[in-house]
């Protein structure tokens, strides 16, 4: 698994996102929450992942977009170390549930913690 986050690994299907939030399970490492759902995809894709930041807590789009960029980058850098031993397919949504801004180092540390908890539950 390469250190990339290509378009085919992004979660975009509205049906799958709705199903993820109604039937999915979640794990948390504040200020991050991961909602996951076992599913199957066409091709050789194991994970489809999306990120989301609440508009209620971050009114300015600039702030929301910055946090989403940080979340995607932390996911991209850490996914290979946690997902190489998982064989089934999952749809994932990473939510930022904190109320204040943050920096990359804290998000990266929490992302590692979150993916560690998820990999233990998934295997």
N, C-alpha and C. Protein backbone atom coordinates (compact mmCIF):
# COMPACT_ATOMS: atom_id res chain seq x y z
N UNK A 1 0.86 -1.17 0.00
CA UNK A 1 0.00 0.00 0.00
C UNK A 1 0.91 1.24 0.00
N UNK A 2 0.73 2.10 -0.96
CA UNK A 2 1.58 3.28 -1.11
C UNK A 2 1.12 4.42 -0.20
N UNK A 3 2.02 5.37 0.00
CA UNK A 3 1.69 6.55 0.79
C UNK A 3 0.97 7.56 -0.08
N UNK A 4 -0.19 7.18 -0.54
CA UNK A 4 -0.98 8.09 -1.37
C UNK A 4 -2.44 7.99 -0.96
N UNK A 5 -3.22 8.92 -1.44
CA UNK A 5 -4.66 8.94 -1.16
C UNK A 5 -5.35 9.27 -2.48
N UNK A 6 -5.39 8.28 -3.40
CA UNK A 6 -5.94 8.55 -4.73
C UNK A 6 -7.46 8.70 -4.72
N UNK A 7 -7.98 9.16 -5.83
CA UNK A 7 -9.42 9.42 -5.95
C UNK A 7 -10.26 8.16 -5.74
N UNK A 8 -9.75 7.01 -6.15
CA UNK A 8 -10.53 5.77 -6.01
C UNK A 8 -10.67 5.33 -4.56
N UNK A 9 -9.85 5.87 -3.65
CA UNK A 9 -9.96 5.54 -2.23
C UNK A 9 -10.80 6.54 -1.45
N UNK A 10 -11.37 7.53 -2.11
CA UNK A 10 -12.17 8.54 -1.42
C UNK A 10 -13.63 8.11 -1.38
N UNK A 11 -14.24 8.32 -0.25
CA UNK A 11 -15.63 7.94 -0.04
C UNK A 11 -16.52 9.06 -0.57
N UNK A 12 -17.27 8.78 -1.65
CA UNK A 12 -18.09 9.81 -2.27
C UNK A 12 -19.54 9.41 -2.47
N UNK A 13 -19.85 8.13 -2.37
CA UNK A 13 -21.20 7.64 -2.63
C UNK A 13 -22.16 8.06 -1.52
N UNK A 14 -23.19 8.80 -1.88
CA UNK A 14 -24.18 9.27 -0.89
C UNK A 14 -24.88 8.10 -0.22
N UNK A 15 -25.21 7.05 -1.00
CA UNK A 15 -25.86 5.87 -0.43
C UNK A 15 -24.97 5.20 0.61
N UNK A 16 -23.69 5.06 0.28
CA UNK A 16 -22.77 4.41 1.20
C UNK A 16 -22.53 5.26 2.45
N UNK A 17 -22.49 6.57 2.30
CA UNK A 17 -22.31 7.46 3.45
C UNK A 17 -23.53 7.38 4.37
N UNK A 18 -24.73 7.39 3.79
CA UNK A 18 -25.95 7.26 4.60
C UNK A 18 -25.97 5.92 5.34
N UNK A 19 -25.61 4.85 4.63
CA UNK A 19 -25.57 3.52 5.24
C UNK A 19 -24.51 3.47 6.34
N UNK A 20 -23.39 4.13 6.12
CA UNK A 20 -22.31 4.17 7.10
C UNK A 20 -22.78 4.80 8.41
N UNK A 21 -23.52 5.90 8.33
CA UNK A 21 -23.96 6.58 9.54
C UNK A 21 -25.15 5.89 10.22
N UNK A 22 -25.93 5.11 9.47
CA UNK A 22 -27.06 4.42 10.10
C UNK A 22 -26.65 3.07 10.69
N UNK A 23 -25.77 2.34 10.00
CA UNK A 23 -25.43 0.98 10.41
C UNK A 23 -24.02 0.84 10.96
N UNK A 24 -23.19 1.85 10.80
CA UNK A 24 -21.78 1.73 11.16
C UNK A 24 -21.51 1.78 12.65
N UNK A 25 -20.32 1.35 13.01
CA UNK A 25 -19.84 1.41 14.39
C UNK A 25 -18.76 2.48 14.46
N UNK A 26 -18.43 2.92 15.67
CA UNK A 26 -17.44 3.98 15.77
C UNK A 26 -16.45 3.73 16.89
N UNK A 27 -15.27 4.34 16.72
CA UNK A 27 -14.24 4.38 17.75
C UNK A 27 -13.79 5.83 17.85
N UNK A 28 -13.30 6.22 19.04
CA UNK A 28 -12.92 7.61 19.25
C UNK A 28 -11.55 7.73 19.88
N UNK A 29 -10.89 8.82 19.55
CA UNK A 29 -9.68 9.29 20.22
C UNK A 29 -9.79 10.80 20.13
N UNK A 30 -10.36 11.41 21.18
CA UNK A 30 -10.70 12.83 21.11
C UNK A 30 -9.51 13.65 20.64
N UNK A 31 -9.69 14.53 19.68
CA UNK A 31 -10.89 15.08 19.06
C UNK A 31 -11.30 14.41 17.75
N UNK A 32 -10.93 13.15 17.54
CA UNK A 32 -11.27 12.44 16.31
C UNK A 32 -12.22 11.29 16.61
N UNK A 33 -13.12 11.02 15.66
CA UNK A 33 -14.00 9.87 15.73
C UNK A 33 -13.99 9.19 14.38
N UNK A 34 -13.92 7.88 14.37
CA UNK A 34 -13.90 7.09 13.15
C UNK A 34 -15.15 6.23 13.11
N UNK A 35 -15.97 6.43 12.09
CA UNK A 35 -17.16 5.59 11.87
C UNK A 35 -16.80 4.62 10.75
N UNK A 36 -17.02 3.33 10.98
CA UNK A 36 -16.62 2.32 10.00
C UNK A 36 -17.74 1.33 9.75
N UNK A 37 -17.72 0.76 8.55
CA UNK A 37 -18.72 -0.22 8.15
C UNK A 37 -18.06 -1.24 7.23
N UNK A 38 -18.11 -2.53 7.58
CA UNK A 38 -17.58 -3.55 6.66
C UNK A 38 -18.45 -3.61 5.40
N UNK A 39 -17.82 -3.61 4.25
CA UNK A 39 -18.53 -3.63 2.97
C UNK A 39 -17.62 -4.23 1.92
N UNK A 40 -18.05 -4.20 0.67
CA UNK A 40 -17.20 -4.69 -0.42
C UNK A 40 -17.19 -3.66 -1.54
N UNK A 41 -16.06 -3.59 -2.22
CA UNK A 41 -15.88 -2.63 -3.31
C UNK A 41 -15.45 -3.37 -4.56
N UNK A 42 -15.70 -2.75 -5.70
CA UNK A 42 -15.24 -3.30 -6.96
C UNK A 42 -13.75 -3.02 -7.11
N UNK A 43 -13.04 -3.93 -7.72
CA UNK A 43 -11.61 -3.74 -7.91
C UNK A 43 -10.81 -4.18 -6.70
N UNK A 44 -9.62 -3.64 -6.57
CA UNK A 44 -8.70 -4.06 -5.51
C UNK A 44 -8.64 -3.08 -4.35
N UNK A 45 -9.70 -2.31 -4.16
CA UNK A 45 -9.72 -1.30 -3.11
C UNK A 45 -10.16 -1.94 -1.80
N UNK A 46 -9.39 -1.66 -0.72
CA UNK A 46 -9.75 -2.19 0.59
C UNK A 46 -10.50 -1.17 1.43
N UNK A 47 -10.16 0.10 1.29
CA UNK A 47 -10.73 1.14 2.13
C UNK A 47 -11.17 2.32 1.29
N UNK A 48 -12.32 2.86 1.61
CA UNK A 48 -12.75 4.16 1.08
C UNK A 48 -12.95 5.05 2.29
N UNK A 49 -12.32 6.20 2.26
CA UNK A 49 -12.29 7.05 3.44
C UNK A 49 -12.72 8.46 3.09
N UNK A 50 -13.48 9.06 3.99
CA UNK A 50 -13.88 10.46 3.88
C UNK A 50 -13.56 11.17 5.18
N UNK A 51 -13.46 12.50 5.11
CA UNK A 51 -13.23 13.30 6.31
C UNK A 51 -14.31 14.37 6.40
N UNK A 52 -14.62 14.76 7.63
CA UNK A 52 -15.67 15.76 7.82
C UNK A 52 -15.36 16.59 9.06
N UNK A 53 -15.70 17.89 8.96
CA UNK A 53 -15.55 18.82 10.08
C UNK A 53 -16.87 19.55 10.23
N UNK A 54 -17.32 19.71 11.46
CA UNK A 54 -18.62 20.30 11.75
C UNK A 54 -18.67 21.78 11.41
N UNK A 55 -19.71 22.16 10.71
CA UNK A 55 -19.94 23.57 10.39
C UNK A 55 -20.41 24.34 11.62
N UNK A 56 -20.99 23.63 12.56
CA UNK A 56 -21.48 24.26 13.78
C UNK A 56 -20.33 24.82 14.62
N UNK A 57 -19.22 24.08 14.68
CA UNK A 57 -18.09 24.51 15.51
C UNK A 57 -17.11 25.41 14.77
N UNK A 58 -17.04 25.26 13.44
CA UNK A 58 -16.12 26.05 12.63
C UNK A 58 -16.92 26.77 11.55
N UNK A 59 -17.29 28.01 11.82
CA UNK A 59 -18.15 28.76 10.91
C UNK A 59 -17.45 29.11 9.60
N UNK A 60 -16.16 29.43 9.67
CA UNK A 60 -15.42 29.84 8.49
C UNK A 60 -14.96 28.63 7.69
N UNK A 61 -15.21 28.65 6.39
CA UNK A 61 -14.82 27.54 5.52
C UNK A 61 -13.31 27.36 5.51
N UNK A 62 -12.57 28.45 5.68
CA UNK A 62 -11.11 28.37 5.69
C UNK A 62 -10.64 27.46 6.82
N UNK A 63 -11.24 27.61 7.99
CA UNK A 63 -10.86 26.78 9.14
C UNK A 63 -11.24 25.32 8.92
N UNK A 64 -12.43 25.08 8.41
CA UNK A 64 -12.87 23.70 8.13
C UNK A 64 -11.97 23.03 7.11
N UNK A 65 -11.65 23.74 6.05
CA UNK A 65 -10.82 23.17 4.99
C UNK A 65 -9.41 22.87 5.48
N UNK A 66 -8.86 23.72 6.34
CA UNK A 66 -7.53 23.47 6.88
C UNK A 66 -7.52 22.19 7.72
N UNK A 67 -8.51 22.02 8.57
CA UNK A 67 -8.56 20.82 9.41
C UNK A 67 -8.76 19.58 8.55
N UNK A 68 -9.58 19.69 7.49
CA UNK A 68 -9.77 18.54 6.60
C UNK A 68 -8.47 18.19 5.88
N UNK A 69 -7.70 19.19 5.47
CA UNK A 69 -6.40 18.92 4.84
C UNK A 69 -5.47 18.21 5.81
N UNK A 70 -5.45 18.67 7.05
CA UNK A 70 -4.60 18.04 8.06
C UNK A 70 -5.03 16.60 8.33
N UNK A 71 -6.34 16.36 8.39
CA UNK A 71 -6.85 15.00 8.60
C UNK A 71 -6.47 14.07 7.46
N UNK A 72 -6.63 14.54 6.22
CA UNK A 72 -6.28 13.72 5.06
C UNK A 72 -4.79 13.40 5.04
N UNK A 73 -3.97 14.38 5.37
CA UNK A 73 -2.52 14.16 5.36
C UNK A 73 -2.11 13.18 6.46
N UNK A 74 -2.66 13.31 7.65
CA UNK A 74 -2.34 12.38 8.73
C UNK A 74 -2.80 10.96 8.37
N UNK A 75 -3.97 10.83 7.75
CA UNK A 75 -4.46 9.52 7.31
C UNK A 75 -3.54 8.93 6.25
N UNK A 76 -3.15 9.75 5.28
CA UNK A 76 -2.30 9.29 4.18
C UNK A 76 -0.96 8.77 4.70
N UNK A 77 -0.38 9.46 5.66
CA UNK A 77 0.93 9.06 6.18
C UNK A 77 0.87 7.82 7.06
N UNK A 78 -0.25 7.57 7.71
CA UNK A 78 -0.32 6.49 8.70
C UNK A 78 -1.08 5.26 8.24
N UNK A 79 -1.76 5.30 7.11
CA UNK A 79 -2.63 4.18 6.75
C UNK A 79 -1.85 2.90 6.45
N UNK A 80 -0.66 3.00 5.89
CA UNK A 80 0.07 1.78 5.53
C UNK A 80 0.49 0.98 6.75
N UNK A 81 0.88 1.65 7.81
CA UNK A 81 1.35 0.92 9.00
C UNK A 81 0.22 0.22 9.74
N UNK A 82 -1.02 0.66 9.57
CA UNK A 82 -2.12 0.06 10.32
C UNK A 82 -3.01 -0.85 9.47
N UNK A 83 -3.06 -0.66 8.16
CA UNK A 83 -4.02 -1.39 7.33
C UNK A 83 -3.42 -2.52 6.52
N UNK A 84 -2.13 -2.78 6.59
CA UNK A 84 -1.54 -3.84 5.79
C UNK A 84 -1.98 -5.23 6.25
N UNK A 85 -2.31 -5.39 7.54
CA UNK A 85 -2.67 -6.71 8.04
C UNK A 85 -4.18 -6.96 8.07
N UNK A 86 -4.99 -6.01 7.60
CA UNK A 86 -6.44 -6.18 7.58
C UNK A 86 -6.85 -6.63 6.18
N UNK A 87 -7.61 -7.73 6.11
CA UNK A 87 -7.93 -8.31 4.81
C UNK A 87 -9.31 -7.93 4.29
N UNK A 88 -10.24 -7.55 5.15
CA UNK A 88 -11.59 -7.22 4.68
C UNK A 88 -11.69 -5.76 4.26
N UNK A 89 -12.78 -5.41 3.60
CA UNK A 89 -12.98 -4.06 3.07
C UNK A 89 -13.85 -3.24 4.02
N UNK A 90 -13.52 -1.96 4.15
CA UNK A 90 -14.25 -1.07 5.04
C UNK A 90 -14.50 0.27 4.38
N UNK A 91 -15.64 0.86 4.73
CA UNK A 91 -15.91 2.27 4.43
C UNK A 91 -15.66 3.03 5.73
N UNK A 92 -14.87 4.11 5.66
CA UNK A 92 -14.48 4.85 6.85
C UNK A 92 -14.85 6.32 6.70
N UNK A 93 -15.24 6.93 7.81
CA UNK A 93 -15.44 8.38 7.84
C UNK A 93 -14.75 8.89 9.09
N UNK A 94 -13.83 9.83 8.90
CA UNK A 94 -13.10 10.41 10.02
C UNK A 94 -13.73 11.77 10.31
N UNK A 95 -14.20 11.95 11.54
CA UNK A 95 -14.87 13.18 11.95
C UNK A 95 -14.00 13.92 12.96
N UNK A 96 -13.91 15.22 12.80
CA UNK A 96 -13.24 16.06 13.79
C UNK A 96 -14.32 16.60 14.71
N UNK A 97 -14.32 16.18 15.98
CA UNK A 97 -15.39 16.55 16.90
C UNK A 97 -14.95 17.57 17.93
N UNK A 98 -13.73 18.09 17.81
CA UNK A 98 -13.25 19.12 18.73
C UNK A 98 -13.89 20.46 18.42
N UNK A 99 -13.73 21.41 19.34
CA UNK A 99 -14.34 22.72 19.16
C UNK A 99 -13.32 23.82 18.90
N UNK A 100 -12.04 23.50 18.95
CA UNK A 100 -11.03 24.51 18.70
C UNK A 100 -10.06 24.02 17.64
N UNK A 101 -9.34 24.93 17.03
CA UNK A 101 -8.38 24.60 15.99
C UNK A 101 -7.22 23.80 16.55
N UNK A 102 -6.38 23.32 15.67
CA UNK A 102 -5.28 22.46 16.10
C UNK A 102 -4.14 22.54 15.11
N UNK A 103 -3.06 21.84 15.40
CA UNK A 103 -1.91 21.78 14.49
C UNK A 103 -1.70 20.35 14.03
N UNK A 104 -0.78 20.18 13.08
CA UNK A 104 -0.59 18.88 12.46
C UNK A 104 -0.05 17.84 13.44
N UNK A 105 0.85 18.24 14.31
CA UNK A 105 1.46 17.27 15.22
C UNK A 105 0.43 16.61 16.14
N UNK A 106 -0.48 17.39 16.67
CA UNK A 106 -1.49 16.81 17.56
C UNK A 106 -2.48 15.94 16.78
N UNK A 107 -2.86 16.38 15.58
CA UNK A 107 -3.77 15.56 14.77
C UNK A 107 -3.09 14.26 14.36
N UNK A 108 -1.83 14.32 14.01
CA UNK A 108 -1.09 13.13 13.60
C UNK A 108 -1.00 12.13 14.76
N UNK A 109 -0.71 12.61 15.95
CA UNK A 109 -0.64 11.72 17.12
C UNK A 109 -1.99 11.08 17.41
N UNK A 110 -3.06 11.87 17.34
CA UNK A 110 -4.39 11.33 17.59
C UNK A 110 -4.84 10.38 16.48
N UNK A 111 -4.41 10.66 15.24
CA UNK A 111 -4.75 9.77 14.12
C UNK A 111 -4.09 8.40 14.33
N UNK A 112 -2.84 8.38 14.78
CA UNK A 112 -2.17 7.11 15.06
C UNK A 112 -2.91 6.35 16.14
N UNK A 113 -3.31 7.05 17.18
CA UNK A 113 -4.05 6.43 18.28
C UNK A 113 -5.40 5.88 17.78
N UNK A 114 -6.09 6.66 16.96
CA UNK A 114 -7.39 6.25 16.43
C UNK A 114 -7.27 5.02 15.52
N UNK A 115 -6.29 5.02 14.62
CA UNK A 115 -6.10 3.89 13.70
C UNK A 115 -5.65 2.65 14.46
N UNK A 116 -4.91 2.84 15.54
CA UNK A 116 -4.50 1.71 16.36
C UNK A 116 -5.71 1.05 17.01
N UNK A 117 -6.61 1.86 17.56
CA UNK A 117 -7.83 1.33 18.17
C UNK A 117 -8.69 0.63 17.12
N UNK A 118 -8.81 1.23 15.93
CA UNK A 118 -9.60 0.61 14.86
C UNK A 118 -9.00 -0.72 14.40
N UNK A 119 -7.68 -0.77 14.23
CA UNK A 119 -7.07 -2.01 13.75
C UNK A 119 -7.22 -3.14 14.76
N UNK A 120 -7.24 -2.80 16.06
CA UNK A 120 -7.47 -3.83 17.08
C UNK A 120 -8.91 -4.34 17.02
N UNK A 121 -9.86 -3.43 16.79
CA UNK A 121 -11.27 -3.85 16.70
C UNK A 121 -11.54 -4.63 15.43
N UNK A 122 -10.89 -4.24 14.32
CA UNK A 122 -11.17 -4.86 13.03
C UNK A 122 -10.57 -6.25 12.91
N UNK A 123 -9.46 -6.50 13.59
CA UNK A 123 -8.82 -7.82 13.44
C UNK A 123 -9.12 -8.74 14.59
